[in-house]
C-alpha atoms as a PDB file:
ATOM      1  CA  UNK A   1      10.506  12.197 -26.059  1.00  0.00           C
ATOM      2  CA  UNK A   2      13.441  14.565 -26.026  1.00  0.00           C
ATOM      3  CA  UNK A   3      14.768  15.793 -22.706  1.00  0.00           C
ATOM      4  CA  UNK A   4      15.952  19.335 -22.092  1.00  0.00           C
ATOM      5  CA  UNK A   5      19.163  19.843 -20.183  1.00  0.00           C
ATOM      6  CA  UNK A   6      18.598  22.378 -17.453  1.00  0.00           C
ATOM      7  CA  UNK A   7      20.263  23.626 -14.328  1.00  0.00           C
ATOM      8  CA  UNK A   8      18.307  24.091 -11.158  1.00  0.00           C
ATOM      9  CA  UNK A   9      19.281  26.395  -8.375  1.00  0.00           C
ATOM     10  CA  UNK A  10      17.950  25.257  -5.035  1.00  0.00           C
ATOM     11  CA  UNK A  11      17.569  28.053  -2.507  1.00  0.00           C
ATOM     12  CA  UNK A  12      15.840  27.174   0.757  1.00  0.00           C
ATOM     13  CA  UNK A  13      14.124  24.268  -0.959  1.00  0.00           C
ATOM     14  CA  UNK A  14      12.701  26.296  -3.898  1.00  0.00           C
ATOM     15  CA  UNK A  15      13.791  25.325  -7.418  1.00  0.00           C
ATOM     16  CA  UNK A  16      14.485  27.946 -10.074  1.00  0.00           C
ATOM     17  CA  UNK A  17      15.125  26.848 -13.666  1.00  0.00           C
ATOM     18  CA  UNK A  18      17.821  28.314 -15.873  1.00  0.00           C
ATOM     19  CA  UNK A  19      18.143  26.963 -19.410  1.00  0.00           C
ATOM     20  CA  UNK A  20      21.563  26.278 -20.877  1.00  0.00           C
ATOM     21  CA  UNK A  21      23.622  26.020 -17.693  1.00  0.00           C
ATOM     22  CA  UNK A  22      25.631  22.898 -16.926  1.00  0.00           C
ATOM     23  CA  UNK A  23      27.919  21.431 -14.296  1.00  0.00           C
ATOM     24  CA  UNK A  24      27.691  21.335 -10.554  1.00  0.00           C
ATOM     25  CA  UNK A  25      28.556  24.745  -9.169  1.00  0.00           C
ATOM     26  CA  UNK A  26      28.372  26.520  -5.847  1.00  0.00           C
ATOM     27  CA  UNK A  27      27.595  30.131  -5.125  1.00  0.00           C
ATOM     28  CA  UNK A  28      26.869  32.132  -2.028  1.00  0.00           C
ATOM     29  CA  UNK A  29      23.775  30.715  -0.345  1.00  0.00           C
ATOM     30  CA  UNK A  30      22.917  28.492  -3.297  1.00  0.00           C
ATOM     31  CA  UNK A  31      23.895  25.358  -5.194  1.00  0.00           C
ATOM     32  CA  UNK A  32      23.479  24.694  -8.900  1.00  0.00           C
ATOM     33  CA  UNK A  33      23.291  21.302 -10.571  1.00  0.00           C
ATOM     34  CA  UNK A  34      22.962  20.106 -14.142  1.00  0.00           C
ATOM     35  CA  UNK A  35      19.846  17.998 -14.541  1.00  0.00           C
ATOM     36  CA  UNK A  36      17.777  16.250 -17.131  1.00  0.00           C
ATOM     37  CA  UNK A  37      14.157  17.182 -16.755  1.00  0.00           C
ATOM     38  CA  UNK A  38      10.907  16.712 -18.627  1.00  0.00           C
ATOM     39  CA  UNK A  39       7.904  18.946 -18.111  1.00  0.00           C
ATOM     40  CA  UNK A  40       5.645  16.445 -16.387  1.00  0.00           C
ATOM     41  CA  UNK A  41       1.888  16.593 -16.567  1.00  0.00           C
ATOM     42  CA  UNK A  42      -0.124  16.533 -13.302  1.00  0.00           C
ATOM     43  CA  UNK A  43      -0.897  12.887 -14.026  1.00  0.00           C
ATOM     44  CA  UNK A  44       2.833  12.059 -13.902  1.00  0.00           C
ATOM     45  CA  UNK A  45       3.932  14.090 -10.889  1.00  0.00           C
ATOM     46  CA  UNK A  46       1.833  15.424  -8.040  1.00  0.00           C
ATOM     47  CA  UNK A  47       1.389  19.169  -7.717  1.00  0.00           C
ATOM     48  CA  UNK A  48       4.174  20.841  -5.751  1.00  0.00           C
ATOM     49  CA  UNK A  49       6.759  18.171  -6.623  1.00  0.00           C
ATOM     50  CA  UNK A  50      10.119  18.673  -8.327  1.00  0.00           C
ATOM     51  CA  UNK A  51      11.526  15.726 -10.279  1.00  0.00           C
ATOM     52  CA  UNK A  52      14.878  15.618 -12.035  1.00  0.00           C
ATOM     53  CA  UNK A  53      17.415  13.082 -13.290  1.00  0.00           C
ATOM     54  CA  UNK A  54      21.192  13.400 -12.995  1.00  0.00           C
ATOM     55  CA  UNK A  55      23.991  11.265 -14.441  1.00  0.00           C
ATOM     56  CA  UNK A  56      26.949  11.446 -12.070  1.00  0.00           C
ATOM     57  CA  UNK A  57      30.275  10.821 -13.862  1.00  0.00           C
ATOM     58  CA  UNK A  58      32.430   8.115 -12.318  1.00  0.00           C
ATOM     59  CA  UNK A  59      36.185   7.656 -12.226  1.00  0.00           C
ATOM     60  CA  UNK A  60      37.231   5.336 -15.010  1.00  0.00           C
ATOM     61  CA  UNK A  61      34.230   6.195 -17.154  1.00  0.00           C
ATOM     62  CA  UNK A  62      30.537   5.480 -16.972  1.00  0.00           C
ATOM     63  CA  UNK A  63      27.995   7.187 -14.802  1.00  0.00           C
ATOM     64  CA  UNK A  64      25.672   6.697 -11.871  1.00  0.00           C
ATOM     65  CA  UNK A  65      22.109   7.699 -12.675  1.00  0.00           C
ATOM     66  CA  UNK A  66      19.955   9.085  -9.867  1.00  0.00           C
ATOM     67  CA  UNK A  67      16.464  10.536  -9.681  1.00  0.00           C
ATOM     68  CA  UNK A  68      15.585  13.374  -7.337  1.00  0.00           C
ATOM     69  CA  UNK A  69      11.923  13.529  -6.279  1.00  0.00           C
ATOM     70  CA  UNK A  70      10.767  15.952  -3.626  1.00  0.00           C
ATOM     71  CA  UNK A  71       8.693  18.928  -2.548  1.00  0.00           C
ATOM     72  CA  UNK A  72       9.384  22.310  -4.127  1.00  0.00           C
ATOM     73  CA  UNK A  73       8.908  24.097  -0.815  1.00  0.00           C
ATOM     74  CA  UNK A  74       9.704  23.415   2.825  1.00  0.00           C
ATOM     75  CA  UNK A  75      11.945  20.402   2.357  1.00  0.00           C
ATOM     76  CA  UNK A  76      12.901  18.937   5.750  1.00  0.00           C
ATOM     77  CA  UNK A  77      15.532  16.461   4.612  1.00  0.00           C
ATOM     78  CA  UNK A  78      16.740  14.264   1.767  1.00  0.00           C
ATOM     79  CA  UNK A  79      16.871  10.465   1.843  1.00  0.00           C
ATOM     80  CA  UNK A  80      19.186   8.603  -0.522  1.00  0.00           C
ATOM     81  CA  UNK A  81      17.358   5.391  -1.435  1.00  0.00           C
ATOM     82  CA  UNK A  82      19.184   2.167  -2.339  1.00  0.00           C
ATOM     83  CA  UNK A  83      16.754  -0.388  -3.854  1.00  0.00           C
ATOM     84  CA  UNK A  84      17.094  -4.119  -3.373  1.00  0.00           C
ATOM     85  CA  UNK A  85      17.391  -6.965  -5.846  1.00  0.00           C
ATOM     86  CA  UNK A  86      19.747  -6.226  -8.718  1.00  0.00           C
ATOM     87  CA  UNK A  87      19.358  -2.506  -8.048  1.00  0.00           C
ATOM     88  CA  UNK A  88      18.203  -1.867 -11.629  1.00  0.00           C
ATOM     89  CA  UNK A  89      15.024   0.210 -11.371  1.00  0.00           C
ATOM     90  CA  UNK A  90      15.286   1.645 -14.881  1.00  0.00           C
ATOM     91  CA  UNK A  91      15.330   5.420 -14.428  1.00  0.00           C
ATOM     92  CA  UNK A  92      14.741   7.081 -17.789  1.00  0.00           C
ATOM     93  CA  UNK A  93      15.954  10.557 -18.719  1.00  0.00           C
ATOM     94  CA  UNK A  94      12.400  11.872 -18.551  1.00  0.00           C
ATOM     95  CA  UNK A  95      12.104  10.737 -14.929  1.00  0.00           C
ATOM     96  CA  UNK A  96       9.960   7.676 -15.495  1.00  0.00           C
ATOM     97  CA  UNK A  97      10.912   4.468 -13.676  1.00  0.00           C
ATOM     98  CA  UNK A  98      10.471   1.126 -15.414  1.00  0.00           C
ATOM     99  CA  UNK A  99      10.543  -0.954 -12.219  1.00  0.00           C
ATOM    100  CA  UNK A 100       9.049   0.994  -9.354  1.00  0.00           C
ATOM    101  CA  UNK A 101       7.538  -1.647  -7.078  1.00  0.00           C
ATOM    102  CA  UNK A 102      10.511  -1.699  -4.679  1.00  0.00           C
ATOM    103  CA  UNK A 103       9.670  -0.268  -1.256  1.00  0.00           C
ATOM    104  CA  UNK A 104      12.192   2.595  -1.330  1.00  0.00           C
ATOM    105  CA  UNK A 105      11.059   3.555  -4.855  1.00  0.00           C
ATOM    106  CA  UNK A 106       7.277   3.317  -4.658  1.00  0.00           C
ATOM    107  CA  UNK A 107       7.099   5.272  -1.378  1.00  0.00           C
ATOM    108  CA  UNK A 108       8.647   8.437  -2.867  1.00  0.00           C
ATOM    109  CA  UNK A 109       5.294  10.222  -2.861  1.00  0.00           C
ATOM    110  CA  UNK A 110       4.655   9.292   0.774  1.00  0.00           C
ATOM    111  CA  UNK A 111       7.996  10.812   1.723  1.00  0.00           C
ATOM    112  CA  UNK A 112       7.333  13.932  -0.340  1.00  0.00           C
ATOM    113  CA  UNK A 113       4.011  14.389   1.454  1.00  0.00           C
ATOM    114  CA  UNK A 114       5.962  14.390   4.714  1.00  0.00           C
ATOM    115  CA  UNK A 115       8.355  17.042   3.436  1.00  0.00           C
ATOM    116  CA  UNK A 116      11.296  14.842   2.404  1.00  0.00           C
ATOM    117  CA  UNK A 117      13.035  14.679  -0.922  1.00  0.00           C
ATOM    118  CA  UNK A 118      14.422  11.358  -2.060  1.00  0.00           C
ATOM    119  CA  UNK A 119      17.339  10.478  -4.310  1.00  0.00           C
ATOM    120  CA  UNK A 120      16.643   7.115  -5.927  1.00  0.00           C
ATOM    121  CA  UNK A 121      19.797   5.277  -6.984  1.00  0.00           C
ATOM    122  CA  UNK A 122      19.782   3.130 -10.127  1.00  0.00           C
ATOM    123  CA  UNK A 123      22.176   0.293 -10.986  1.00  0.00           C
ATOM    124  CA  UNK A 124      25.370   1.447 -12.691  1.00  0.00           C
ATOM    125  CA  UNK A 125      24.959   0.881 -16.419  1.00  0.00           C
ATOM    126  CA  UNK A 126      21.814  -1.167 -15.702  1.00  0.00           C
ATOM    127  CA  UNK A 127      24.075  -4.042 -14.630  1.00  0.00           C
ATOM    128  CA  UNK A 128      23.287  -6.159 -11.591  1.00  0.00           C
ATOM    129  CA  UNK A 129      24.708  -4.774  -8.351  1.00  0.00           C
ATOM    130  CA  UNK A 130      24.626  -8.148  -6.619  1.00  0.00           C
ATOM    131  CA  UNK A 131      27.961  -8.863  -4.988  1.00  0.00           C
ATOM    132  CA  UNK A 132      29.253  -5.317  -5.548  1.00  0.00           C
ATOM    133  CA  UNK A 133      27.520  -3.215  -2.904  1.00  0.00           C
ATOM    134  CA  UNK A 134      29.955  -3.876  -0.028  1.00  0.00           C
ATOM    135  CA  UNK A 135      33.081  -3.109  -2.073  1.00  0.00           C
ATOM    136  CA  UNK A 136      35.331  -0.134  -1.427  1.00  0.00           C
ATOM    137  CA  UNK A 137      34.881   0.884  -5.062  1.00  0.00           C
ATOM    138  CA  UNK A 138      31.147   1.209  -4.506  1.00  0.00           C
ATOM    139  CA  UNK A 139      31.734   3.191  -1.316  1.00  0.00           C
ATOM    140  CA  UNK A 140      33.441   5.751  -3.547  1.00  0.00           C
ATOM    141  CA  UNK A 141      30.349   5.848  -5.732  1.00  0.00           C
ATOM    142  CA  UNK A 142      28.131   6.446  -2.700  1.00  0.00           C
ATOM    143  CA  UNK A 143      30.291   9.454  -1.799  1.00  0.00           C
ATOM    144  CA  UNK A 144      29.439  10.990  -5.175  1.00  0.00           C
ATOM    145  CA  UNK A 145      25.751  10.280  -4.594  1.00  0.00           C
ATOM    146  CA  UNK A 146      25.842  11.917  -1.151  1.00  0.00           C
ATOM    147  CA  UNK A 147      27.642  14.935  -2.592  1.00  0.00           C
ATOM    148  CA  UNK A 148      24.834  15.274  -5.113  1.00  0.00           C
ATOM    149  CA  UNK A 149      22.208  15.039  -2.364  1.00  0.00           C
ATOM    150  CA  UNK A 150      23.941  17.776  -0.380  1.00  0.00           C
ATOM    151  CA  UNK A 151      24.056  19.978  -3.491  1.00  0.00           C
ATOM    152  CA  UNK A 152      20.275  19.952  -3.767  1.00  0.00           C
ATOM    153  CA  UNK A 153      19.496  21.776  -0.543  1.00  0.00           C
ATOM    154  CA  UNK A 154      21.033  22.645   2.812  1.00  0.00           C
ATOM    155  CA  UNK A 155      19.023  20.055   4.744  1.00  0.00           C
ATOM    156  CA  UNK A 156      20.009  16.853   6.595  1.00  0.00           C
ATOM    157  CA  UNK A 157      20.802  13.887   4.357  1.00  0.00           C
ATOM    158  CA  UNK A 158      19.924  10.297   5.287  1.00  0.00           C
ATOM    159  CA  UNK A 159      20.506   6.966   3.574  1.00  0.00           C
ATOM    160  CA  UNK A 160      18.063   4.080   3.411  1.00  0.00           C
ATOM    161  CA  UNK A 161      18.363   0.651   1.901  1.00  0.00           C
ATOM    162  CA  UNK A 162      16.051  -2.300   1.627  1.00  0.00           C
ATOM    163  CA  UNK A 163      16.990  -5.989   1.314  1.00  0.00           C
ATOM    164  CA  UNK A 164      20.160  -6.131  -0.854  1.00  0.00           C
ATOM    165  CA  UNK A 165      20.081  -2.327  -0.904  1.00  0.00           C
ATOM    166  CA  UNK A 166      20.763  -2.265   2.843  1.00  0.00           C
ATOM    167  CA  UNK A 167      24.291  -3.458   2.031  1.00  0.00           C
ATOM    168  CA  UNK A 168      24.806  -0.315  -0.060  1.00  0.00           C
ATOM    169  CA  UNK A 169      23.315   1.907   2.655  1.00  0.00           C
ATOM    170  CA  UNK A 170      25.586   0.343   5.280  1.00  0.00           C
ATOM    171  CA  UNK A 171      28.606   0.828   3.026  1.00  0.00           C
ATOM    172  CA  UNK A 172      27.678   4.472   2.454  1.00  0.00           C
ATOM    173  CA  UNK A 173      27.208   5.107   6.176  1.00  0.00           C
ATOM    174  CA  UNK A 174      30.507   3.439   7.068  1.00  0.00           C
ATOM    175  CA  UNK A 175      32.481   5.745   4.763  1.00  0.00           C
ATOM    176  CA  UNK A 176      31.025   9.159   5.580  1.00  0.00           C
ATOM    177  CA  UNK A 177      32.777  12.079   7.194  1.00  0.00           C
ATOM    178  CA  UNK A 178      31.688  13.701  10.464  1.00  0.00           C
ATOM    179  CA  UNK A 179      28.185  15.215  10.235  1.00  0.00           C
ATOM    180  CA  UNK A 180      27.950  14.412   6.526  1.00  0.00           C
ATOM    181  CA  UNK A 181      25.070  12.045   7.228  1.00  0.00           C
ATOM    182  CA  UNK A 182      22.131  12.432   9.598  1.00  0.00           C
ATOM    183  CA  UNK A 183      21.528   8.707   9.914  1.00  0.00           C
ATOM    184  CA  UNK A 184      21.025   5.369   8.191  1.00  0.00           C
ATOM    185  CA  UNK A 185      17.899   3.221   7.908  1.00  0.00           C
ATOM    186  CA  UNK A 186      18.218  -0.482   7.050  1.00  0.00           C
ATOM    187  CA  UNK A 187      15.031  -2.328   6.157  1.00  0.00           C
ATOM    188  CA  UNK A 188      14.666  -6.108   5.751  1.00  0.00           C
ATOM    189  CA  UNK A 189      18.424  -6.302   5.407  1.00  0.00           C
ATOM    190  CA  UNK A 190      20.216  -9.223   3.775  1.00  0.00           C
ATOM    191  CA  UNK A 191      22.084 -10.790   6.688  1.00  0.00           C
ATOM    192  CA  UNK A 192      22.444 -14.403   5.543  1.00  0.00           C
ATOM    193  CA  UNK A 193      24.829 -15.246   2.727  1.00  0.00           C
ATOM    194  CA  UNK A 194      22.988 -16.016  -0.498  1.00  0.00           C
ATOM    195  CA  UNK A 195      23.634 -15.863  -4.233  1.00  0.00           C
ATOM    196  CA  UNK A 196      25.041 -12.324  -4.050  1.00  0.00           C
ATOM    197  CA  UNK A 197      27.826 -13.599  -1.753  1.00  0.00           C
ATOM    198  CA  UNK A 198      27.631 -10.528   0.502  1.00  0.00           C
ATOM    199  CA  UNK A 199      25.593  -9.295   3.457  1.00  0.00           C
ATOM    200  CA  UNK A 200      25.342  -6.146   5.552  1.00  0.00           C
ATOM    201  CA  UNK A 201      28.051  -7.614   7.780  1.00  0.00           C
ATOM    202  CA  UNK A 202      30.507  -7.250   4.858  1.00  0.00           C
ATOM    203  CA  UNK A 203      29.849  -3.500   4.566  1.00  0.00           C
ATOM    204  CA  UNK A 204      31.926  -2.449   7.595  1.00  0.00           C
ATOM    205  CA  UNK A 205      29.165  -1.963  10.194  1.00  0.00           C
ATOM    206  CA  UNK A 206      31.786  -1.287  12.898  1.00  0.00           C
ATOM    207  CA  UNK A 207      32.701   1.937  11.078  1.00  0.00           C
ATOM    208  CA  UNK A 208      29.200   3.418  11.172  1.00  0.00           C
ATOM    209  CA  UNK A 209      29.047   6.312  13.609  1.00  0.00           C
ATOM    210  CA  UNK A 210      25.684   7.903  12.843  1.00  0.00           C
ATOM    211  CA  UNK A 211      22.267   7.044  14.302  1.00  0.00           C
ATOM    212  CA  UNK A 212      21.049   3.786  12.792  1.00  0.00           C
ATOM    213  CA  UNK A 213      17.632   2.180  12.507  1.00  0.00           C
ATOM    214  CA  UNK A 214      17.144  -1.501  11.698  1.00  0.00           C
ATOM    215  CA  UNK A 215      13.582  -2.328  10.629  1.00  0.00           C
ATOM    216  CA  UNK A 216      12.492  -5.965  10.613  1.00  0.00           C
ATOM    217  CA  UNK A 217       9.103  -7.391   9.742  1.00  0.00           C
ATOM    218  CA  UNK A 218       8.254 -10.342  11.958  1.00  0.00           C
ATOM    219  CA  UNK A 219       6.227 -11.719   9.023  1.00  0.00           C
ATOM    220  CA  UNK A 220       9.149 -11.608   6.583  1.00  0.00           C
ATOM    221  CA  UNK A 221       9.821 -15.094   5.210  1.00  0.00           C
ATOM    222  CA  UNK A 222      12.741 -14.190   2.939  1.00  0.00           C
ATOM    223  CA  UNK A 223      15.459 -16.645   3.923  1.00  0.00           C
ATOM    224  CA  UNK A 224      18.376 -14.219   3.447  1.00  0.00           C
ATOM    225  CA  UNK A 225      16.752 -11.507   5.573  1.00  0.00           C
ATOM    226  CA  UNK A 226      15.355 -13.170   8.705  1.00  0.00           C
ATOM    227  CA  UNK A 227      13.945 -10.758  11.306  1.00  0.00           C
ATOM    228  CA  UNK A 228      15.782 -12.764  13.966  1.00  0.00           C
ATOM    229  CA  UNK A 229      19.047 -11.202  12.738  1.00  0.00           C
ATOM    230  CA  UNK A 230      17.976  -7.606  13.394  1.00  0.00           C
ATOM    231  CA  UNK A 231      19.623  -7.372  16.805  1.00  0.00           C
ATOM    232  CA  UNK A 232      22.829  -8.898  15.482  1.00  0.00           C
ATOM    233  CA  UNK A 233      22.963  -6.156  12.833  1.00  0.00           C
ATOM    234  CA  UNK A 234      22.543  -3.526  15.536  1.00  0.00           C
ATOM    235  CA  UNK A 235      25.270  -5.131  17.652  1.00  0.00           C
ATOM    236  CA  UNK A 236      27.640  -5.127  14.674  1.00  0.00           C
ATOM    237  CA  UNK A 237      27.302  -1.326  14.502  1.00  0.00           C
ATOM    238  CA  UNK A 238      29.024  -1.076  17.864  1.00  0.00           C
ATOM    239  CA  UNK A 239      30.109   2.539  17.377  1.00  0.00           C
ATOM    240  CA  UNK A 240      26.689   3.838  16.360  1.00  0.00           C
ATOM    241  CA  UNK A 241      23.595   4.606  18.426  1.00  0.00           C
ATOM    242  CA  UNK A 242      21.235   2.004  16.972  1.00  0.00           C
ATOM    243  CA  UNK A 243      17.565   1.156  17.305  1.00  0.00           C
ATOM    244  CA  UNK A 244      15.756  -2.019  16.249  1.00  0.00           C
ATOM    245  CA  UNK A 245      12.155  -1.599  15.125  1.00  0.00           C
ATOM    246  CA  UNK A 246       9.972  -4.652  14.636  1.00  0.00           C
ATOM    247  CA  UNK A 247       6.840  -4.334  12.521  1.00  0.00           C
ATOM    248  CA  UNK A 248       4.220  -6.861  11.509  1.00  0.00           C
ATOM    249  CA  UNK A 249       1.912  -7.377   8.578  1.00  0.00           C
ATOM    250  CA  UNK A 250       1.877  -7.090   4.835  1.00  0.00           C
ATOM    251  CA  UNK A 251       0.243  -9.091   2.091  1.00  0.00           C
ATOM    252  CA  UNK A 252       1.637 -11.511  -0.454  1.00  0.00           C
ATOM    253  CA  UNK A 253       1.192 -10.949  -4.193  1.00  0.00           C
ATOM    254  CA  UNK A 254       4.121 -13.105  -5.282  1.00  0.00           C
ATOM    255  CA  UNK A 255       5.261 -16.697  -4.836  1.00  0.00           C
ATOM    256  CA  UNK A 256       8.744 -15.330  -4.095  1.00  0.00           C
ATOM    257  CA  UNK A 257       9.094 -14.653  -0.366  1.00  0.00           C
ATOM    258  CA  UNK A 258      11.900 -12.165  -1.121  1.00  0.00           C
ATOM    259  CA  UNK A 259       9.778 -10.174  -3.564  1.00  0.00           C
ATOM    260  CA  UNK A 260       8.830  -6.521  -3.107  1.00  0.00           C
ATOM    261  CA  UNK A 261       5.216  -7.723  -3.342  1.00  0.00           C
ATOM    262  CA  UNK A 262       5.370  -9.552  -0.012  1.00  0.00           C
ATOM    263  CA  UNK A 263       5.856  -8.807   3.694  1.00  0.00           C
ATOM    264  CA  UNK A 264       9.590  -8.668   2.891  1.00  0.00           C
ATOM    265  CA  UNK A 265       8.804  -5.570   0.820  1.00  0.00           C
ATOM    266  CA  UNK A 266       6.132  -4.228   3.222  1.00  0.00           C
ATOM    267  CA  UNK A 267       3.512  -4.711   0.524  1.00  0.00           C
ATOM    268  CA  UNK A 268       0.240  -3.300   1.847  1.00  0.00           C
ATOM    269  CA  UNK A 269       1.740  -1.529   4.893  1.00  0.00           C
ATOM    270  CA  UNK A 270       3.712   1.300   3.287  1.00  0.00           C
ATOM    271  CA  UNK A 271       2.032   4.076   5.291  1.00  0.00           C
ATOM    272  CA  UNK A 272       2.595   2.282   8.571  1.00  0.00           C
ATOM    273  CA  UNK A 273       6.276   1.575   7.957  1.00  0.00           C
ATOM    274  CA  UNK A 274       7.070   5.009   6.535  1.00  0.00           C
ATOM    275  CA  UNK A 275       5.363   6.618   9.539  1.00  0.00           C
ATOM    276  CA  UNK A 276       7.374   4.516  11.992  1.00  0.00           C
ATOM    277  CA  UNK A 277      10.634   5.336  10.215  1.00  0.00           C
ATOM    278  CA  UNK A 278       9.835   9.042  10.193  1.00  0.00           C
ATOM    279  CA  UNK A 279       9.096   8.984  13.927  1.00  0.00           C
ATOM    280  CA  UNK A 280      12.536   7.519  14.534  1.00  0.00           C
ATOM    281  CA  UNK A 281      14.140  10.100  12.241  1.00  0.00           C
ATOM    282  CA  UNK A 282      12.626  12.934  14.268  1.00  0.00           C
ATOM    283  CA  UNK A 283      14.121  11.496  17.441  1.00  0.00           C
ATOM    284  CA  UNK A 284      17.464  10.870  15.757  1.00  0.00           C
ATOM    285  CA  UNK A 285      17.509  14.490  14.586  1.00  0.00           C
ATOM    286  CA  UNK A 286      17.260  15.677  18.194  1.00  0.00           C
ATOM    287  CA  UNK A 287      20.107  13.313  19.127  1.00  0.00           C
ATOM    288  CA  UNK A 288      22.218  14.730  16.290  1.00  0.00           C
ATOM    289  CA  UNK A 289      21.565  18.300  17.417  1.00  0.00           C
ATOM    290  CA  UNK A 290      22.779  17.490  20.936  1.00  0.00           C
ATOM    291  CA  UNK A 291      25.921  15.654  19.801  1.00  0.00           C
END
C-alpha cells in the first residue's frame, strides 16, 4: 500500500492534518511535523487514536524510524519506548509492526487508554542494536528522538526501556538537559554482561538526574537480568531520586527465559505492571513540580 506524506499540527493534544507540508517546524502555540500515515481502519487502530510514522534523519546519513501512537485528545504525557532484544521491531511506513510482542510495544494500547502517547523506537536500519545502546553516538540519536517527542505535544516526556532496551533508556536519561525529561523507567534491565557486551551500568547511570523507577519481576529467570540486581541499579543512579518496584507473576510461552513471552517480558501481567508504573509516574510528576 502507498503511504501519503502528511504534516500534523498538534495543538493541546488534538491532531489536524494538512496535506503537502513537510519538515519539522514550530509556530506560536503549535508544532508541526512531517509524518508518514495510512488511513487505518477501526480494526487496525482503536477509535480516538492517532498513529503516525516518522523517519528522523541522522548525522552521517541514515535515519531513525519511530512510531507515534496515542490519544487524539487529552494526552497526559508521552513515553519514548526502547524495546529489548536486537531492537528491531519492524515498523512499516503504514504503521504496522512486524514484531510487536515486546512489552513496551504490545502495551501501547494500554498506555493510550490511560491518556499517554508512546513513541516506539525501531532499530536503526533494521540492524541489531546489541552492543551499541550505551555508546555516546547512540546518546546523540536519543536526543533526536526526544526532540521529536517534544514536538508532538507540550506534555511531559518520559523514557522507558525493557531488558536490553533499558540500556538505551539509561543512556537517554543520562544525556538530557534540565527538565527535558520527566523521568526514566527501567524494566527487567540487563545488568549482567552477556553476548551484547554491555549493561545498564555502562550507560552512565551516575549522570541521571531525573526520577527513576527500576521494575524487577521476582519470577524473572533471565540470567542477564536478575531481579537481585535491581537495588544495585538504583544505587548506581546516585544523583537521581530512584525507586525499586518488585512485581511477581507472569506465564511462560517460550523455552527462552529471556523471551518477551515469559515473566521476563511480563507475559500475562501487562495490566498489573502498567498500572504500577503509572502510579509511580503520578507520584514522580508531583516531585518534579516541587523541584
